[in-house]
Structures are given as C-alpha cells and as structure tokens.
Amino acid sequence: MDQLLQWLLFPSILITLALSTVFSYKSRRARDTRTKGIQGARMNISMGAMLLFIAAVQLFLSSESTLRIIIGAVFIVIGLFNLFAGLRNLSAYRSMPASEQPHR
C-alpha cells in the first residue's frame, strides 16, 4: 500500500510544483489584469493541491509522531485555503470582461 501511495503522491507533487512555477511565471509576465489574475488563480490552485499532496505524505507515509501530524494538519489547512481562494479568484477573473487593449 505504501508503494502505491509513493508512486501516486511523489509524481503528483512534482507535477503540481511544475504547474505552480509555470503559472507564477505567466502571471508575472502578463500585461493585462484579467490574464494576470487568471494565471495567479491557477497558481494558487496548483499550490493548494501540492500542499495537500505534501500533507498526505506527512500523514500516510511517515511514522506517526505528533510533530508530523501537526505539520500535516497545517499543510492541509493552508492547502485548502489556497485551493478555495484560487477557485474563487478564477471564477471572479473569468467573469471579468476581456479588455480590448492590454495595459502598457
């Protein structure tokens, strides 16, 4: 069972890390507010998922110590916050009308 979790969680962490990096770069390079907001929201969603995967590693693949459980719980709370904030921001920026000209 631990082998299966390792084969699922570690690639998931790496994929969400790569997505967070790409969306962060795109957000910083975007010129208009809507695109910047959408890319930032996607970055938050990816980062929230990554933190949830890291929390799963802490809780399921490690020895049961109090410190690991506390760290896992903190990562779950921060991950869920990022995930929900990203989803909220994504819906807000998607409903924003697209501008004709990018801001310069």
N, C-alpha and C. Protein backbone atom coordinates (compact mmCIF):
# COMPACT_ATOMS: atom_id res chain seq x y z
N MET A 1 0.82 -1.20 0.00
CA MET A 1 0.00 0.00 0.00
C MET A 1 0.86 1.26 0.00
N ASP A 2 1.94 1.23 0.79
CA ASP A 2 2.83 2.39 0.83
C ASP A 2 3.50 2.63 -0.52
N GLN A 3 3.84 1.56 -1.22
CA GLN A 3 4.47 1.70 -2.54
C GLN A 3 3.51 2.39 -3.50
N LEU A 4 2.24 2.01 -3.47
CA LEU A 4 1.24 2.62 -4.35
C LEU A 4 1.09 4.10 -4.05
N LEU A 5 1.04 4.44 -2.76
CA LEU A 5 0.94 5.85 -2.39
C LEU A 5 2.16 6.64 -2.83
N GLN A 6 3.34 6.03 -2.70
CA GLN A 6 4.55 6.71 -3.15
C GLN A 6 4.51 6.95 -4.65
N TRP A 7 4.07 5.96 -5.41
CA TRP A 7 4.01 6.10 -6.86
C TRP A 7 2.95 7.10 -7.31
N LEU A 8 1.97 7.37 -6.46
CA LEU A 8 0.95 8.36 -6.80
C LEU A 8 1.26 9.76 -6.28
N LEU A 9 1.78 9.83 -5.05
CA LEU A 9 1.95 11.14 -4.42
C LEU A 9 3.17 11.90 -4.92
N PHE A 10 4.30 11.24 -5.05
CA PHE A 10 5.51 11.97 -5.44
C PHE A 10 5.44 12.55 -6.85
N PRO A 11 4.96 11.79 -7.86
CA PRO A 11 4.79 12.45 -9.16
C PRO A 11 3.74 13.57 -9.12
N SER A 12 2.72 13.40 -8.30
CA SER A 12 1.70 14.45 -8.18
C SER A 12 2.29 15.72 -7.60
N ILE A 13 3.17 15.57 -6.61
CA ILE A 13 3.84 16.74 -6.03
C ILE A 13 4.70 17.43 -7.07
N LEU A 14 5.45 16.65 -7.84
CA LEU A 14 6.31 17.25 -8.87
C LEU A 14 5.52 17.93 -9.97
N ILE A 15 4.41 17.33 -10.38
CA ILE A 15 3.58 17.93 -11.44
C ILE A 15 2.97 19.24 -10.95
N THR A 16 2.41 19.24 -9.74
CA THR A 16 1.80 20.47 -9.23
C THR A 16 2.86 21.54 -8.95
N LEU A 17 4.06 21.13 -8.57
CA LEU A 17 5.15 22.09 -8.40
C LEU A 17 5.49 22.75 -9.73
N ALA A 18 5.58 21.94 -10.79
CA ALA A 18 5.88 22.48 -12.12
C ALA A 18 4.76 23.41 -12.59
N LEU A 19 3.51 23.01 -12.37
CA LEU A 19 2.38 23.87 -12.76
C LEU A 19 2.38 25.18 -11.98
N SER A 20 2.67 25.12 -10.70
CA SER A 20 2.73 26.35 -9.89
C SER A 20 3.80 27.29 -10.42
N THR A 21 4.94 26.73 -10.79
CA THR A 21 6.03 27.55 -11.33
C THR A 21 5.65 28.18 -12.66
N VAL A 22 5.05 27.39 -13.54
CA VAL A 22 4.66 27.91 -14.86
C VAL A 22 3.61 29.00 -14.73
N PHE A 23 2.58 28.75 -13.91
CA PHE A 23 1.53 29.75 -13.76
C PHE A 23 2.04 31.01 -13.06
N SER A 24 2.98 30.88 -12.14
CA SER A 24 3.58 32.04 -11.49
C SER A 24 4.34 32.88 -12.51
N TYR A 25 5.10 32.22 -13.35
CA TYR A 25 5.86 32.93 -14.38
C TYR A 25 4.91 33.63 -15.35
N LYS A 26 3.85 32.93 -15.78
CA LYS A 26 2.90 33.54 -16.71
C LYS A 26 2.17 34.71 -16.06
N SER A 27 1.87 34.59 -14.78
CA SER A 27 1.18 35.67 -14.08
C SER A 27 2.05 36.91 -13.99
N ARG A 28 3.31 36.72 -13.73
CA ARG A 28 4.22 37.87 -13.61
C ARG A 28 4.51 38.51 -14.96
N ARG A 29 4.43 37.75 -16.03
CA ARG A 29 4.72 38.28 -17.36
C ARG A 29 3.50 38.87 -18.06
N ALA A 30 2.30 38.60 -17.54
CA ALA A 30 1.08 39.07 -18.19
C ALA A 30 0.98 40.59 -18.10
N ARG A 31 0.41 41.17 -19.14
CA ARG A 31 0.30 42.62 -19.19
C ARG A 31 -1.05 43.12 -18.68
N ASP A 32 -2.13 42.40 -19.00
CA ASP A 32 -3.44 42.90 -18.56
C ASP A 32 -3.87 42.23 -17.26
N THR A 33 -4.74 42.90 -16.55
CA THR A 33 -5.15 42.48 -15.21
C THR A 33 -5.89 41.15 -15.23
N ARG A 34 -6.75 40.94 -16.20
CA ARG A 34 -7.54 39.71 -16.26
C ARG A 34 -6.64 38.49 -16.43
N THR A 35 -5.72 38.54 -17.37
CA THR A 35 -4.82 37.41 -17.59
C THR A 35 -3.93 37.18 -16.38
N LYS A 36 -3.45 38.25 -15.80
CA LYS A 36 -2.61 38.14 -14.60
C LYS A 36 -3.39 37.48 -13.46
N GLY A 37 -4.65 37.87 -13.30
CA GLY A 37 -5.47 37.29 -12.24
C GLY A 37 -5.80 35.82 -12.48
N ILE A 38 -6.11 35.47 -13.73
CA ILE A 38 -6.41 34.07 -14.05
C ILE A 38 -5.19 33.20 -13.81
N GLN A 39 -4.03 33.64 -14.26
CA GLN A 39 -2.82 32.84 -14.06
C GLN A 39 -2.45 32.75 -12.58
N GLY A 40 -2.66 33.82 -11.84
CA GLY A 40 -2.41 33.80 -10.40
C GLY A 40 -3.35 32.85 -9.68
N ALA A 41 -4.61 32.83 -10.12
CA ALA A 41 -5.58 31.91 -9.52
C ALA A 41 -5.21 30.46 -9.81
N ARG A 42 -4.78 30.19 -11.03
CA ARG A 42 -4.33 28.83 -11.38
C ARG A 42 -3.11 28.44 -10.56
N MET A 43 -2.22 29.40 -10.30
CA MET A 43 -1.06 29.12 -9.47
C MET A 43 -1.51 28.75 -8.05
N ASN A 44 -2.49 29.49 -7.50
CA ASN A 44 -2.99 29.18 -6.16
C ASN A 44 -3.63 27.80 -6.10
N ILE A 45 -4.37 27.43 -7.14
CA ILE A 45 -5.00 26.11 -7.19
C ILE A 45 -3.92 25.03 -7.22
N SER A 46 -2.91 25.22 -8.05
CA SER A 46 -1.83 24.23 -8.14
C SER A 46 -1.06 24.14 -6.83
N MET A 47 -0.80 25.27 -6.21
CA MET A 47 -0.07 25.28 -4.95
C MET A 47 -0.89 24.64 -3.83
N GLY A 48 -2.19 24.88 -3.82
CA GLY A 48 -3.06 24.24 -2.84
C GLY A 48 -3.06 22.72 -2.99
N ALA A 49 -3.14 22.25 -4.23
CA ALA A 49 -3.10 20.81 -4.47
C ALA A 49 -1.75 20.24 -4.05
N MET A 50 -0.67 20.95 -4.34
CA MET A 50 0.66 20.48 -3.95
C MET A 50 0.77 20.36 -2.43
N LEU A 51 0.26 21.35 -1.71
CA LEU A 51 0.32 21.30 -0.25
C LEU A 51 -0.53 20.16 0.30
N LEU A 52 -1.64 19.86 -0.34
CA LEU A 52 -2.45 18.72 0.09
C LEU A 52 -1.72 17.40 -0.14
N PHE A 53 -1.01 17.29 -1.27
CA PHE A 53 -0.24 16.07 -1.53
C PHE A 53 0.91 15.93 -0.53
N ILE A 54 1.55 17.05 -0.20
CA ILE A 54 2.64 17.00 0.79
C ILE A 54 2.08 16.61 2.16
N ALA A 55 0.89 17.11 2.49
CA ALA A 55 0.26 16.74 3.76
C ALA A 55 -0.05 15.25 3.78
N ALA A 56 -0.48 14.71 2.64
CA ALA A 56 -0.76 13.27 2.58
C ALA A 56 0.51 12.46 2.81
N VAL A 57 1.63 12.93 2.27
CA VAL A 57 2.90 12.24 2.51
C VAL A 57 3.23 12.27 4.00
N GLN A 58 3.06 13.43 4.61
CA GLN A 58 3.36 13.56 6.04
C GLN A 58 2.47 12.67 6.90
N LEU A 59 1.21 12.54 6.52
CA LEU A 59 0.28 11.80 7.35
C LEU A 59 0.29 10.29 7.09
N PHE A 60 0.51 9.88 5.84
CA PHE A 60 0.36 8.47 5.49
C PHE A 60 1.66 7.72 5.32
N LEU A 61 2.73 8.38 4.91
CA LEU A 61 3.96 7.68 4.58
C LEU A 61 5.05 7.85 5.62
N SER A 62 4.74 8.42 6.74
CA SER A 62 5.74 8.65 7.77
C SER A 62 5.31 7.95 9.05
N SER A 63 6.26 7.83 9.95
CA SER A 63 5.91 7.28 11.26
C SER A 63 4.98 8.24 11.97
N GLU A 64 4.14 7.70 12.80
CA GLU A 64 3.15 8.54 13.48
C GLU A 64 3.77 9.25 14.67
N SER A 65 4.23 10.45 14.44
CA SER A 65 4.71 11.27 15.54
C SER A 65 3.83 12.52 15.61
N THR A 66 3.79 13.12 16.75
CA THR A 66 2.94 14.28 16.96
C THR A 66 3.35 15.44 16.05
N LEU A 67 4.65 15.63 15.89
CA LEU A 67 5.13 16.73 15.06
C LEU A 67 4.70 16.54 13.60
N ARG A 68 4.80 15.34 13.07
CA ARG A 68 4.40 15.08 11.68
C ARG A 68 2.90 15.28 11.49
N ILE A 69 2.12 14.89 12.47
CA ILE A 69 0.67 15.09 12.38
C ILE A 69 0.33 16.57 12.41
N ILE A 70 1.01 17.35 13.24
CA ILE A 70 0.77 18.79 13.29
C ILE A 70 1.18 19.45 11.98
N ILE A 71 2.34 19.07 11.44
CA ILE A 71 2.79 19.64 10.17
C ILE A 71 1.83 19.27 9.04
N GLY A 72 1.38 18.02 9.02
CA GLY A 72 0.41 17.60 8.02
C GLY A 72 -0.89 18.37 8.13
N ALA A 73 -1.35 18.60 9.34
CA ALA A 73 -2.60 19.35 9.54
C ALA A 73 -2.45 20.81 9.09
N VAL A 74 -1.30 21.40 9.38
CA VAL A 74 -1.06 22.78 8.95
C VAL A 74 -1.03 22.86 7.42
N PHE A 75 -0.36 21.89 6.77
CA PHE A 75 -0.32 21.87 5.30
C PHE A 75 -1.72 21.67 4.71
N ILE A 76 -2.56 20.87 5.36
CA ILE A 76 -3.93 20.68 4.87
C ILE A 76 -4.70 22.00 4.95
N VAL A 77 -4.59 22.70 6.06
CA VAL A 77 -5.32 23.96 6.22
C VAL A 77 -4.84 24.99 5.19
N ILE A 78 -3.54 25.15 5.04
CA ILE A 78 -3.01 26.13 4.08
C ILE A 78 -3.35 25.71 2.65
N GLY A 79 -3.26 24.41 2.37
CA GLY A 79 -3.58 23.90 1.03
C GLY A 79 -5.03 24.13 0.67
N LEU A 80 -5.94 23.85 1.61
CA LEU A 80 -7.36 24.08 1.35
C LEU A 80 -7.66 25.57 1.16
N PHE A 81 -7.00 26.41 1.97
CA PHE A 81 -7.18 27.85 1.81
C PHE A 81 -6.74 28.30 0.41
N ASN A 82 -5.56 27.86 -0.03
CA ASN A 82 -5.08 28.23 -1.36
C ASN A 82 -6.00 27.69 -2.45
N LEU A 83 -6.46 26.47 -2.29
CA LEU A 83 -7.33 25.86 -3.29
C LEU A 83 -8.63 26.64 -3.43
N PHE A 84 -9.29 26.93 -2.32
CA PHE A 84 -10.56 27.66 -2.39
C PHE A 84 -10.37 29.11 -2.81
N ALA A 85 -9.31 29.75 -2.37
CA ALA A 85 -9.05 31.13 -2.81
C ALA A 85 -8.76 31.17 -4.30
N GLY A 86 -8.02 30.19 -4.80
CA GLY A 86 -7.75 30.13 -6.24
C GLY A 86 -9.01 29.90 -7.04
N LEU A 87 -9.87 28.99 -6.59
CA LEU A 87 -11.13 28.76 -7.30
C LEU A 87 -12.03 29.98 -7.29
N ARG A 88 -12.09 30.67 -6.15
CA ARG A 88 -12.89 31.89 -6.05
C ARG A 88 -12.36 32.98 -6.99
N ASN A 89 -11.03 33.18 -6.97
CA ASN A 89 -10.43 34.20 -7.83
C ASN A 89 -10.56 33.84 -9.31
N LEU A 90 -10.45 32.55 -9.63
CA LEU A 90 -10.58 32.14 -11.02
C LEU A 90 -11.97 32.45 -11.55
N SER A 91 -13.00 32.16 -10.77
CA SER A 91 -14.35 32.48 -11.23
C SER A 91 -14.56 33.99 -11.32
N ALA A 92 -13.97 34.75 -10.42
CA ALA A 92 -14.13 36.21 -10.46
C ALA A 92 -13.44 36.79 -11.69
N TYR A 93 -12.22 36.35 -11.97
CA TYR A 93 -11.49 36.90 -13.12
C TYR A 93 -12.04 36.40 -14.45
N ARG A 94 -12.59 35.20 -14.48
CA ARG A 94 -13.19 34.72 -15.73
C ARG A 94 -14.45 35.50 -16.07
N SER A 95 -15.20 35.95 -15.06
CA SER A 95 -16.42 36.71 -15.32
C SER A 95 -16.12 38.16 -15.68
N MET A 96 -14.88 38.60 -15.45
CA MET A 96 -14.48 39.96 -15.79
C MET A 96 -14.41 40.09 -17.32
N PRO A 97 -14.93 41.19 -17.86
CA PRO A 97 -14.88 41.34 -19.31
C PRO A 97 -13.43 41.47 -19.81
N ALA A 98 -13.18 40.84 -20.94
CA ALA A 98 -11.83 40.90 -21.52
C ALA A 98 -11.60 42.29 -22.09
N SER A 99 -10.44 42.84 -21.82
CA SER A 99 -10.12 44.17 -22.33
C SER A 99 -9.65 44.05 -23.78
N GLU A 100 -9.92 45.09 -24.53
CA GLU A 100 -9.54 45.08 -25.94
C GLU A 100 -8.04 45.29 -26.11
N GLN A 101 -7.47 46.16 -25.30
CA GLN A 101 -6.05 46.50 -25.38
C GLN A 101 -5.37 46.09 -24.10
N PRO A 102 -4.22 45.44 -24.17
CA PRO A 102 -3.50 45.18 -22.92
C PRO A 102 -2.94 46.47 -22.34
N HIS A 103 -2.88 46.53 -21.01
CA HIS A 103 -2.32 47.72 -20.34
C HIS A 103 -0.82 47.74 -20.58
N ARG A 104 -0.29 48.92 -20.86
CA ARG A 104 1.15 49.06 -21.09
C ARG A 104 1.76 49.95 -20.08
